[in-house]
Amino acid sequence: DDEAPSSRSAKADTRKEHLSLVFVGHVDAGKSTIGGHLLYLTGMVDQRTLEKYEREAKEKNRETWYLSWALDTNAEEREKGKTVEVGRAYFETNKKHFTVLDAPGHKSFVPNMIGGASQADLAILVISARKGEFETGFEKGGQTREHAMLVKTAGWAEQRYEECKSKLTPFLRKCGFASSSLYFMPCSGLTGGWLRDSVPEDVCPWYRGPTLLDYLDQMPTLSRLSDAPLRLPIADKYRDMGTIVMGRIEAGRLKQGDQLLMMPNRVNVDIVGLWWDELDVS
């Protein structure tokens, strides 16, 4: 986020629950494409910008990657088609405000992925159902296994969906995830099927559950330790008319005007402004 605080005028709707959402999974599974398509469907990326991405992607012979460019913003990521840093964006549903953390899938960038996952309230594990890609991600060395442990489809084929699901379920339970905390759904990052809109029943008769946005919007409210002493691990910082830090409040409350002690160096700090993403909540 490189926008100066003084230029931020939009106010956040603090009545909406704020959740951090991380996309994890093996490289090329479609994490950035799904995230970028969600930003478009929720109005955070307009049609003109998307068409610009599409033109630029075609010029680089990367035409199927254009949706991911909403999250993969630097030249290296766009050239190689791989997320390197944790991409950040946000979108809103009727009831909730989501900060999107798009984690790298390549094993070379696992430390960056851990940084993103550690700030998240919930994770979406993206699995490619394409023949060979699911197996590559799930075998030894593939990042599907590693990402699932760290965060504790062509043709809408039911057989393939059930095959992936049957292999993942026991593995995730072995990692410590309760069955009640897992929900599987098919979706297409490229076409948008099951992201916001249902796929027609004659095309996908075997899944008639919620879309991804509907599911996220209807999730139960998370319990927060809001009455505990303040605990805010700092994930990043930058300078712009003073030092601005980024982090997730693990416990307690924070408001404009608070005077705090930052550990471990016992530095006194003043809270002069607060933002969700670039939305002012001071």
C-alpha atoms as a PDB file:
ATOM      1  CA  ASP A   1       0.000   0.000   0.000  1.00  0.00           C
ATOM      2  CA  ASP A   2       1.858   3.100  -1.155  1.00  0.00           C
ATOM      3  CA  GLU A   3      -0.885   5.687  -0.964  1.00  0.00           C
ATOM      4  CA  ALA A   4      -0.314   8.663   1.323  1.00  0.00           C
ATOM      5  CA  PRO A   5      -2.651   8.779   4.316  1.00  0.00           C
ATOM      6  CA  SER A   6      -3.530  12.383   3.567  1.00  0.00           C
ATOM      7  CA  SER A   7      -5.006  11.337   0.205  1.00  0.00           C
ATOM      8  CA  ARG A   8      -7.254   8.694   1.687  1.00  0.00           C
ATOM      9  CA  SER A   9     -10.763   9.962   2.097  1.00  0.00           C
ATOM     10  CA  ALA A  10     -12.974   6.883   1.849  1.00  0.00           C
ATOM     11  CA  LYS A  11     -14.460   5.833   5.173  1.00  0.00           C
ATOM     12  CA  ALA A  12     -14.878   2.161   5.990  1.00  0.00           C
ATOM     13  CA  ASP A  13     -18.243   0.767   7.054  1.00  0.00           C
ATOM     14  CA  THR A  14     -17.137  -0.438  10.480  1.00  0.00           C
ATOM     15  CA  ARG A  15     -20.476  -2.173  11.002  1.00  0.00           C
ATOM     16  CA  LYS A  16     -19.190  -4.869   8.682  1.00  0.00           C
ATOM     17  CA  GLU A  17     -17.056  -7.625  10.169  1.00  0.00           C
ATOM     18  CA  HIS A  18     -13.452  -7.390   8.970  1.00  0.00           C
ATOM     19  CA  LEU A  19     -11.763 -10.668   8.001  1.00  0.00           C
ATOM     20  CA  SER A  20      -8.398 -11.435   6.437  1.00  0.00           C
ATOM     21  CA  LEU A  21      -8.532 -14.110   3.750  1.00  0.00           C
ATOM     22  CA  VAL A  22      -5.484 -15.888   2.318  1.00  0.00           C
ATOM     23  CA  PHE A  23      -5.345 -17.933  -0.886  1.00  0.00           C
ATOM     24  CA  VAL A  24      -2.856 -20.799  -0.621  1.00  0.00           C
ATOM     25  CA  GLY A  25      -1.973 -23.778  -2.797  1.00  0.00           C
ATOM     26  CA  HIS A  26       0.540 -25.114  -5.280  1.00  0.00           C
ATOM     27  CA  VAL A  27       2.105 -22.852  -7.909  1.00  0.00           C
ATOM     28  CA  ASP A  28      -0.184 -22.311 -10.937  1.00  0.00           C
ATOM     29  CA  ALA A  29      -3.266 -23.664  -9.137  1.00  0.00           C
ATOM     30  CA  GLY A  30      -5.148 -20.430  -9.898  1.00  0.00           C
ATOM     31  CA  LYS A  31      -4.926 -18.497  -6.625  1.00  0.00           C
ATOM     32  CA  SER A  32      -4.243 -15.077  -8.142  1.00  0.00           C
ATOM     33  CA  THR A  33      -6.742 -15.640 -10.953  1.00  0.00           C
ATOM     34  CA  ILE A  34      -9.537 -16.453  -8.488  1.00  0.00           C
ATOM     35  CA  GLY A  35      -8.558 -13.500  -6.295  1.00  0.00           C
ATOM     36  CA  GLY A  36      -8.440 -11.126  -9.254  1.00  0.00           C
ATOM     37  CA  HIS A  37     -11.791 -12.347 -10.558  1.00  0.00           C
ATOM     38  CA  LEU A  38     -13.363 -11.820  -7.116  1.00  0.00           C
ATOM     39  CA  LEU A  39     -12.086  -8.226  -7.133  1.00  0.00           C
ATOM     40  CA  TYR A  40     -13.727  -7.692 -10.523  1.00  0.00           C
ATOM     41  CA  LEU A  41     -17.026  -9.319  -9.516  1.00  0.00           C
ATOM     42  CA  THR A  42     -17.241  -7.189  -6.354  1.00  0.00           C
ATOM     43  CA  GLY A  43     -16.504  -3.951  -8.211  1.00  0.00           C
ATOM     44  CA  MET A  44     -12.971  -3.388  -6.916  1.00  0.00           C
ATOM     45  CA  VAL A  45     -11.531  -3.648 -10.443  1.00  0.00           C
ATOM     46  CA  ASP A  46     -13.513  -1.964 -13.215  1.00  0.00           C
ATOM     47  CA  GLN A  47     -14.108  -3.240 -16.742  1.00  0.00           C
ATOM     48  CA  ARG A  48     -11.745  -0.686 -18.287  1.00  0.00           C
ATOM     49  CA  THR A  49      -8.861  -1.759 -16.055  1.00  0.00           C
ATOM     50  CA  LEU A  50      -9.564  -5.421 -16.729  1.00  0.00           C
ATOM     51  CA  GLU A  51      -9.538  -4.803 -20.485  1.00  0.00           C
ATOM     52  CA  LYS A  52      -6.192  -3.011 -20.082  1.00  0.00           C
ATOM     53  CA  TYR A  53      -4.769  -6.032 -18.234  1.00  0.00           C
ATOM     54  CA  GLU A  54      -6.109  -8.320 -20.957  1.00  0.00           C
ATOM     55  CA  ARG A  55      -4.448  -6.286 -23.726  1.00  0.00           C
ATOM     56  CA  GLU A  56      -1.130  -6.145 -21.895  1.00  0.00           C
ATOM     57  CA  ALA A  57      -1.232  -9.869 -21.114  1.00  0.00           C
ATOM     58  CA  LYS A  58      -1.859 -10.702 -24.774  1.00  0.00           C
ATOM     59  CA  GLU A  59       1.120  -8.565 -25.786  1.00  0.00           C
ATOM     60  CA  LYS A  60       3.276 -10.764 -23.544  1.00  0.00           C
ATOM     61  CA  ASN A  61       1.615 -13.996 -24.778  1.00  0.00           C
ATOM     62  CA  ARG A  62       0.106 -14.442 -21.311  1.00  0.00           C
ATOM     63  CA  GLU A  63      -3.552 -13.968 -22.254  1.00  0.00           C
ATOM     64  CA  THR A  64      -4.948 -16.396 -19.655  1.00  0.00           C
ATOM     65  CA  TRP A  65      -3.112 -14.604 -16.841  1.00  0.00           C
ATOM     66  CA  TYR A  66      -4.797 -11.214 -17.095  1.00  0.00           C
ATOM     67  CA  LEU A  67      -7.159 -11.699 -14.149  1.00  0.00           C
ATOM     68  CA  SER A  68      -4.241 -12.475 -11.854  1.00  0.00           C
ATOM     69  CA  TRP A  69      -2.681  -9.093 -12.638  1.00  0.00           C
ATOM     70  CA  ALA A  70      -5.115  -7.426 -10.234  1.00  0.00           C
ATOM     71  CA  LEU A  71      -3.027  -9.025  -7.460  1.00  0.00           C
ATOM     72  CA  ASP A  72       0.308  -9.743  -9.155  1.00  0.00           C
ATOM     73  CA  THR A  73       1.346  -6.145  -9.666  1.00  0.00           C
ATOM     74  CA  ASN A  74       5.106  -6.169 -10.169  1.00  0.00           C
ATOM     75  CA  ALA A  75       6.919  -6.876 -13.438  1.00  0.00           C
ATOM     76  CA  GLU A  76       8.604 -10.082 -12.244  1.00  0.00           C
ATOM     77  CA  GLU A  77       5.313 -11.640 -11.168  1.00  0.00           C
ATOM     78  CA  ARG A  78       3.617 -10.738 -14.439  1.00  0.00           C
ATOM     79  CA  GLU A  79       6.515 -11.935 -16.578  1.00  0.00           C
ATOM     80  CA  LYS A  80       6.872 -15.307 -14.830  1.00  0.00           C
ATOM     81  CA  GLY A  81       3.247 -15.811 -13.867  1.00  0.00           C
ATOM     82  CA  LYS A  82       4.234 -16.550 -10.270  1.00  0.00           C
ATOM     83  CA  THR A  83       3.312 -14.629  -7.132  1.00  0.00           C
ATOM     84  CA  VAL A  84       6.470 -13.657  -5.228  1.00  0.00           C
ATOM     85  CA  GLU A  85       5.309 -11.237  -2.542  1.00  0.00           C
ATOM     86  CA  VAL A  86       2.061 -11.535  -0.625  1.00  0.00           C
ATOM     87  CA  GLY A  87      -0.443  -9.614  -2.742  1.00  0.00           C
ATOM     88  CA  ARG A  88      -2.906  -7.397  -0.875  1.00  0.00           C
ATOM     89  CA  ALA A  89      -6.310  -6.134  -1.895  1.00  0.00           C
ATOM     90  CA  TYR A  90      -9.808  -5.990  -0.452  1.00  0.00           C
ATOM     91  CA  PHE A  91     -13.436  -6.490  -1.357  1.00  0.00           C
ATOM     92  CA  GLU A  92     -16.775  -6.307   0.420  1.00  0.00           C
ATOM     93  CA  THR A  93     -19.854  -8.485   0.540  1.00  0.00           C
ATOM     94  CA  ASN A  94     -23.222  -7.495   2.006  1.00  0.00           C
ATOM     95  CA  LYS A  95     -22.092  -8.283   5.548  1.00  0.00           C
ATOM     96  CA  LYS A  96     -18.303  -8.445   5.578  1.00  0.00           C
ATOM     97  CA  HIS A  97     -15.118  -6.617   4.565  1.00  0.00           C
ATOM     98  CA  PHE A  98     -12.351  -8.949   3.376  1.00  0.00           C
ATOM     99  CA  THR A  99      -8.662  -8.180   3.127  1.00  0.00           C
ATOM    100  CA  VAL A 100      -7.250 -10.532   0.489  1.00  0.00           C
ATOM    101  CA  LEU A 101      -3.788 -11.996   0.993  1.00  0.00           C
ATOM    102  CA  ASP A 102      -2.570 -13.851  -2.102  1.00  0.00           C
ATOM    103  CA  ALA A 103       0.305 -16.081  -0.970  1.00  0.00           C
ATOM    104  CA  PRO A 104       3.087 -17.370  -3.243  1.00  0.00           C
ATOM    105  CA  GLY A 105       2.729 -20.999  -4.302  1.00  0.00           C
ATOM    106  CA  HIS A 106       6.302 -21.762  -5.344  1.00  0.00           C
ATOM    107  CA  LYS A 107       8.400 -23.555  -2.730  1.00  0.00           C
ATOM    108  CA  SER A 108      11.150 -20.930  -3.104  1.00  0.00           C
ATOM    109  CA  PHE A 109       8.814 -18.357  -1.543  1.00  0.00           C
ATOM    110  CA  VAL A 110       7.455 -20.363   1.411  1.00  0.00           C
ATOM    111  CA  PRO A 111       8.721 -17.738   3.931  1.00  0.00           C
ATOM    112  CA  ASN A 112       6.604 -15.109   2.138  1.00  0.00           C
ATOM    113  CA  MET A 113       3.654 -17.490   2.188  1.00  0.00           C
ATOM    114  CA  ILE A 114       4.035 -17.993   5.966  1.00  0.00           C
ATOM    115  CA  GLY A 115       4.010 -14.219   6.426  1.00  0.00           C
ATOM    116  CA  GLY A 116       0.689 -13.991   4.617  1.00  0.00           C
ATOM    117  CA  ALA A 117      -0.916 -16.987   6.287  1.00  0.00           C
ATOM    118  CA  SER A 118       0.029 -15.770   9.760  1.00  0.00           C
ATOM    119  CA  GLN A 119      -2.144 -12.666   9.271  1.00  0.00           C
ATOM    120  CA  ALA A 120      -5.215 -14.514   7.985  1.00  0.00           C
ATOM    121  CA  ASP A 121      -8.473 -15.370   9.731  1.00  0.00           C
ATOM    122  CA  LEU A 122      -9.387 -17.977   7.140  1.00  0.00           C
ATOM    123  CA  ALA A 123      -7.715 -19.737   4.244  1.00  0.00           C
ATOM    124  CA  ILE A 124      -8.877 -20.877   0.824  1.00  0.00           C
ATOM    125  CA  LEU A 125      -6.776 -23.804  -0.370  1.00  0.00           C
ATOM    126  CA  VAL A 126      -6.901 -23.711  -4.176  1.00  0.00           C
ATOM    127  CA  ILE A 127      -6.519 -27.087  -5.881  1.00  0.00           C
ATOM    128  CA  SER A 128      -6.105 -27.495  -9.635  1.00  0.00           C
ATOM    129  CA  ALA A 129      -8.294 -30.342 -10.891  1.00  0.00           C
ATOM    130  CA  ARG A 130      -6.431 -30.486 -14.203  1.00  0.00           C
ATOM    131  CA  LYS A 131      -4.958 -33.937 -14.776  1.00  0.00           C
ATOM    132  CA  GLY A 132      -1.420 -34.011 -13.466  1.00  0.00           C
ATOM    133  CA  GLU A 133      -1.551 -30.645 -11.683  1.00  0.00           C
ATOM    134  CA  PHE A 134      -3.449 -31.904  -8.629  1.00  0.00           C
ATOM    135  CA  GLU A 135      -1.061 -34.848  -8.364  1.00  0.00           C
ATOM    136  CA  THR A 136       1.999 -32.581  -8.737  1.00  0.00           C
ATOM    137  CA  GLY A 137       0.762 -30.274  -6.009  1.00  0.00           C
ATOM    138  CA  PHE A 138      -0.074 -33.136  -3.673  1.00  0.00           C
ATOM    139  CA  GLU A 139       3.016 -35.308  -4.114  1.00  0.00           C
ATOM    140  CA  LYS A 140       6.158 -34.908  -2.022  1.00  0.00           C
ATOM    141  CA  GLY A 141       7.654 -31.513  -2.808  1.00  0.00           C
ATOM    142  CA  GLY A 142       4.342 -30.073  -3.992  1.00  0.00           C
ATOM    143  CA  GLN A 143       3.041 -27.030  -2.150  1.00  0.00           C
ATOM    144  CA  THR A 144      -0.531 -28.261  -1.601  1.00  0.00           C
ATOM    145  CA  ARG A 145       0.714 -30.438   1.258  1.00  0.00           C
ATOM    146  CA  GLU A 146       3.078 -27.841   2.693  1.00  0.00           C
ATOM    147  CA  HIS A 147       0.583 -24.974   2.558  1.00  0.00           C
ATOM    148  CA  ALA A 148      -2.148 -27.055   4.191  1.00  0.00           C
ATOM    149  CA  MET A 149       0.191 -27.856   7.078  1.00  0.00           C
ATOM    150  CA  LEU A 150       1.360 -24.269   7.434  1.00  0.00           C
ATOM    151  CA  VAL A 151      -2.106 -22.805   7.688  1.00  0.00           C
ATOM    152  CA  LYS A 152      -3.363 -25.594   9.893  1.00  0.00           C
ATOM    153  CA  THR A 153     -11.395 -27.625 -13.440  1.00  0.00           C
ATOM    154  CA  ALA A 154     -11.951 -28.331 -16.725  1.00  0.00           C
ATOM    155  CA  GLY A 155     -15.460 -29.566 -17.562  1.00  0.00           C
ATOM    156  CA  TRP A 156     -17.056 -29.608 -14.096  1.00  0.00           C
ATOM    157  CA  ALA A 157     -16.403 -33.346 -13.816  1.00  0.00           C
ATOM    158  CA  GLU A 158     -17.961 -34.778 -10.666  1.00  0.00           C
ATOM    159  CA  GLN A 159     -15.703 -37.815 -10.695  1.00  0.00           C
ATOM    160  CA  ARG A 160     -12.575 -35.661 -10.725  1.00  0.00           C
ATOM    161  CA  TYR A 161     -13.970 -33.356  -8.021  1.00  0.00           C
ATOM    162  CA  GLU A 162     -14.739 -36.308  -5.744  1.00  0.00           C
ATOM    163  CA  GLU A 163     -11.314 -37.816  -6.445  1.00  0.00           C
ATOM    164  CA  CYS A 164      -9.540 -34.634  -5.318  1.00  0.00           C
ATOM    165  CA  LYS A 165     -11.855 -34.273  -2.322  1.00  0.00           C
ATOM    166  CA  SER A 166     -11.397 -37.882  -1.190  1.00  0.00           C
ATOM    167  CA  LYS A 167      -7.600 -37.518  -1.224  1.00  0.00           C
ATOM    168  CA  LEU A 168      -7.537 -34.138   0.503  1.00  0.00           C
ATOM    169  CA  THR A 169     -10.029 -34.787   3.314  1.00  0.00           C
ATOM    170  CA  PRO A 170      -8.027 -37.395   5.278  1.00  0.00           C
ATOM    171  CA  PHE A 171      -4.821 -35.427   4.734  1.00  0.00           C
ATOM    172  CA  LEU A 172      -6.324 -32.190   6.091  1.00  0.00           C
ATOM    173  CA  ARG A 173      -7.812 -34.019   9.072  1.00  0.00           C
ATOM    174  CA  LYS A 174      -4.397 -35.515   9.762  1.00  0.00           C
ATOM    175  CA  CYS A 175      -2.991 -31.961   9.764  1.00  0.00           C
ATOM    176  CA  GLY A 176      -5.410 -31.112  12.570  1.00  0.00           C
ATOM    177  CA  PHE A 177      -8.324 -29.510  10.730  1.00  0.00           C
ATOM    178  CA  ALA A 178     -11.741 -30.497  12.067  1.00  0.00           C
ATOM    179  CA  SER A 179     -14.166 -31.822   9.470  1.00  0.00           C
ATOM    180  CA  SER A 180     -16.610 -29.069  10.465  1.00  0.00           C
ATOM    181  CA  SER A 181     -14.071 -26.402   9.455  1.00  0.00           C
ATOM    182  CA  LEU A 182     -13.661 -27.758   5.909  1.00  0.00           C
ATOM    183  CA  TYR A 183     -15.912 -26.950   2.954  1.00  0.00           C
ATOM    184  CA  PHE A 184     -15.213 -28.009  -0.620  1.00  0.00           C
ATOM    185  CA  MET A 185     -16.589 -26.307  -3.702  1.00  0.00           C
ATOM    186  CA  PRO A 186     -15.750 -26.297  -7.410  1.00  0.00           C
ATOM    187  CA  CYS A 187     -15.046 -22.958  -9.066  1.00  0.00           C
ATOM    188  CA  SER A 188     -13.318 -21.450 -12.084  1.00  0.00           C
ATOM    189  CA  GLY A 189     -11.010 -18.487 -11.693  1.00  0.00           C
ATOM    190  CA  LEU A 190     -10.997 -17.893 -15.450  1.00  0.00           C
ATOM    191  CA  THR A 191     -14.738 -18.044 -16.210  1.00  0.00           C
ATOM    192  CA  GLY A 192     -15.960 -17.028 -12.738  1.00  0.00           C
ATOM    193  CA  GLY A 193     -18.187 -20.078 -12.338  1.00  0.00           C
ATOM    194  CA  TRP A 194     -19.300 -20.521  -8.693  1.00  0.00           C
ATOM    195  CA  LEU A 195     -17.431 -17.389  -7.584  1.00  0.00           C
ATOM    196  CA  ARG A 196     -20.435 -15.053  -7.563  1.00  0.00           C
ATOM    197  CA  ASP A 197     -22.909 -16.764  -9.887  1.00  0.00           C
ATOM    198  CA  SER A 198     -24.073 -20.359 -10.014  1.00  0.00           C
ATOM    199  CA  VAL A 199     -23.187 -22.536 -12.979  1.00  0.00           C
ATOM    200  CA  PRO A 200     -26.344 -23.679 -14.855  1.00  0.00           C
ATOM    201  CA  GLU A 201     -27.703 -26.972 -13.593  1.00  0.00           C
ATOM    202  CA  ASP A 202     -27.450 -28.619 -17.002  1.00  0.00           C
ATOM    203  CA  VAL A 203     -23.699 -27.871 -16.973  1.00  0.00           C
ATOM    204  CA  CYS A 204     -22.967 -28.777 -13.342  1.00  0.00           C
ATOM    205  CA  PRO A 205     -25.884 -30.756 -11.875  1.00  0.00           C
ATOM    206  CA  TRP A 206     -23.888 -32.408  -9.096  1.00  0.00           C
ATOM    207  CA  TYR A 207     -23.001 -29.276  -7.081  1.00  0.00           C
ATOM    208  CA  ARG A 208     -25.858 -26.970  -6.106  1.00  0.00           C
ATOM    209  CA  GLY A 209     -24.325 -25.428  -2.996  1.00  0.00           C
ATOM    210  CA  PRO A 210     -23.460 -21.777  -2.321  1.00  0.00           C
ATOM    211  CA  THR A 211     -21.125 -19.714  -4.471  1.00  0.00           C
ATOM    212  CA  LEU A 212     -17.812 -18.668  -2.933  1.00  0.00           C
ATOM    213  CA  LEU A 213     -19.003 -15.110  -2.214  1.00  0.00           C
ATOM    214  CA  ASP A 214     -22.275 -16.358  -0.710  1.00  0.00           C
ATOM    215  CA  TYR A 215     -20.403 -18.807   1.486  1.00  0.00           C
ATOM    216  CA  LEU A 216     -17.962 -16.151   2.706  1.00  0.00           C
ATOM    217  CA  ASP A 217     -20.778 -13.681   3.408  1.00  0.00           C
ATOM    218  CA  GLN A 218     -22.745 -16.208   5.483  1.00  0.00           C
ATOM    219  CA  MET A 219     -19.834 -17.395   7.624  1.00  0.00           C
ATOM    220  CA  PRO A 220     -20.453 -17.158  11.386  1.00  0.00           C
ATOM    221  CA  THR A 221     -18.912 -14.145  13.100  1.00  0.00           C
ATOM    222  CA  LEU A 222     -15.490 -14.939  14.535  1.00  0.00           C
ATOM    223  CA  SER A 223     -14.892 -14.583  18.254  1.00  0.00           C
ATOM    224  CA  ARG A 224     -12.369 -11.825  19.027  1.00  0.00           C
ATOM    225  CA  LEU A 225     -10.371 -11.162  22.216  1.00  0.00           C
ATOM    226  CA  SER A 226     -11.421  -7.523  22.175  1.00  0.00           C
ATOM    227  CA  ASP A 227     -11.389  -7.090  25.974  1.00  0.00           C
ATOM    228  CA  ALA A 228      -7.857  -8.458  26.409  1.00  0.00           C
ATOM    229  CA  PRO A 229      -4.682  -6.314  26.523  1.00  0.00           C
ATOM    230  CA  LEU A 230      -3.655  -4.998  23.114  1.00  0.00           C
ATOM    231  CA  ARG A 231      -1.464  -7.299  21.047  1.00  0.00           C
ATOM    232  CA  LEU A 232      -0.593  -6.198  17.507  1.00  0.00           C
ATOM    233  CA  PRO A 233       2.331  -8.007  15.814  1.00  0.00           C
ATOM    234  CA  ILE A 234       3.825  -5.762  13.118  1.00  0.00           C
ATOM    235  CA  ALA A 235       3.945  -7.402   9.689  1.00  0.00           C
ATOM    236  CA  ASP A 236       5.410  -4.520   7.682  1.00  0.00           C
ATOM    237  CA  LYS A 237       6.108  -0.787   7.777  1.00  0.00           C
ATOM    238  CA  TYR A 238       6.752   2.101   5.418  1.00  0.00           C
ATOM    239  CA  ARG A 239       7.378   5.834   5.690  1.00  0.00           C
ATOM    240  CA  ASP A 240       4.908   8.396   4.376  1.00  0.00           C
ATOM    241  CA  MET A 241       4.591  11.563   6.480  1.00  0.00           C
ATOM    242  CA  GLY A 242       5.717   9.483   9.439  1.00  0.00           C
ATOM    243  CA  THR A 243       6.046   5.762  10.016  1.00  0.00           C
ATOM    244  CA  ILE A 244       3.062   3.634   9.051  1.00  0.00           C
ATOM    245  CA  VAL A 245       2.922   0.059  10.315  1.00  0.00           C
ATOM    246  CA  MET A 246       0.819  -2.821   9.079  1.00  0.00           C
ATOM    247  CA  GLY A 247      -0.367  -5.674  11.234  1.00  0.00           C
ATOM    248  CA  ARG A 248      -3.263  -7.644  12.582  1.00  0.00           C
ATOM    249  CA  ILE A 249      -4.829  -6.974  15.981  1.00  0.00           C
ATOM    250  CA  GLU A 250      -4.660 -10.328  17.764  1.00  0.00           C
ATOM    251  CA  ALA A 251      -6.216  -9.027  20.967  1.00  0.00           C
ATOM    252  CA  GLY A 252      -7.512  -5.818  22.483  1.00  0.00           C
ATOM    253  CA  ARG A 253      -8.697  -2.565  20.929  1.00  0.00           C
ATOM    254  CA  LEU A 254      -7.048   0.378  19.222  1.00  0.00           C
ATOM    255  CA  LYS A 255      -8.249   3.917  18.556  1.00  0.00           C
ATOM    256  CA  GLN A 256      -6.945   7.213  17.261  1.00  0.00           C
ATOM    257  CA  GLY A 257      -5.140   9.148  19.997  1.00  0.00           C
ATOM    258  CA  ASP A 258      -3.879   6.083  21.881  1.00  0.00           C
ATOM    259  CA  GLN A 259      -0.343   6.240  23.248  1.00  0.00           C
ATOM    260  CA  LEU A 260       1.345   2.850  23.174  1.00  0.00           C
ATOM    261  CA  LEU A 261       4.626   1.187  24.051  1.00  0.00           C
ATOM    262  CA  MET A 262       6.189  -0.810  21.219  1.00  0.00           C
ATOM    263  CA  MET A 263       8.273  -3.788  22.257  1.00  0.00           C
ATOM    264  CA  PRO A 264      10.949  -5.032  22.535  1.00  0.00           C
ATOM    265  CA  ASN A 265      12.748  -1.662  22.327  1.00  0.00           C
ATOM    266  CA  ARG A 266      10.191   0.131  24.528  1.00  0.00           C
ATOM    267  CA  VAL A 267       9.483   2.864  21.972  1.00  0.00           C
ATOM    268  CA  ASN A 268       6.604   5.252  22.684  1.00  0.00           C
ATOM    269  CA  VAL A 269       4.246   5.607  19.721  1.00  0.00           C
ATOM    270  CA  ASP A 270       1.162   7.744  19.060  1.00  0.00           C
ATOM    271  CA  ILE A 271      -1.762   6.471  16.991  1.00  0.00           C
ATOM    272  CA  VAL A 272      -2.639   9.319  14.616  1.00  0.00           C
ATOM    273  CA  GLY A 273      -4.776   7.339  12.173  1.00  0.00           C
ATOM    274  CA  LEU A 274      -6.181   3.886  11.466  1.00  0.00           C
ATOM    275  CA  TRP A 275      -7.034   2.188   8.178  1.00  0.00           C
ATOM    276  CA  TRP A 276      -8.510  -1.031   6.921  1.00  0.00           C
ATOM    277  CA  ASP A 277      -6.580  -1.383   3.702  1.00  0.00           C
ATOM    278  CA  GLU A 278      -6.910   2.207   2.380  1.00  0.00           C
ATOM    279  CA  LEU A 279     -10.259   2.868   4.099  1.00  0.00           C
ATOM    280  CA  ASP A 280     -10.154   5.306   7.012  1.00  0.00           C
ATOM    281  CA  VAL A 281     -11.495   3.896  10.304  1.00  0.00           C
ATOM    282  CA  SER A 282     -10.005   6.540  12.612  1.00  0.00           C
END
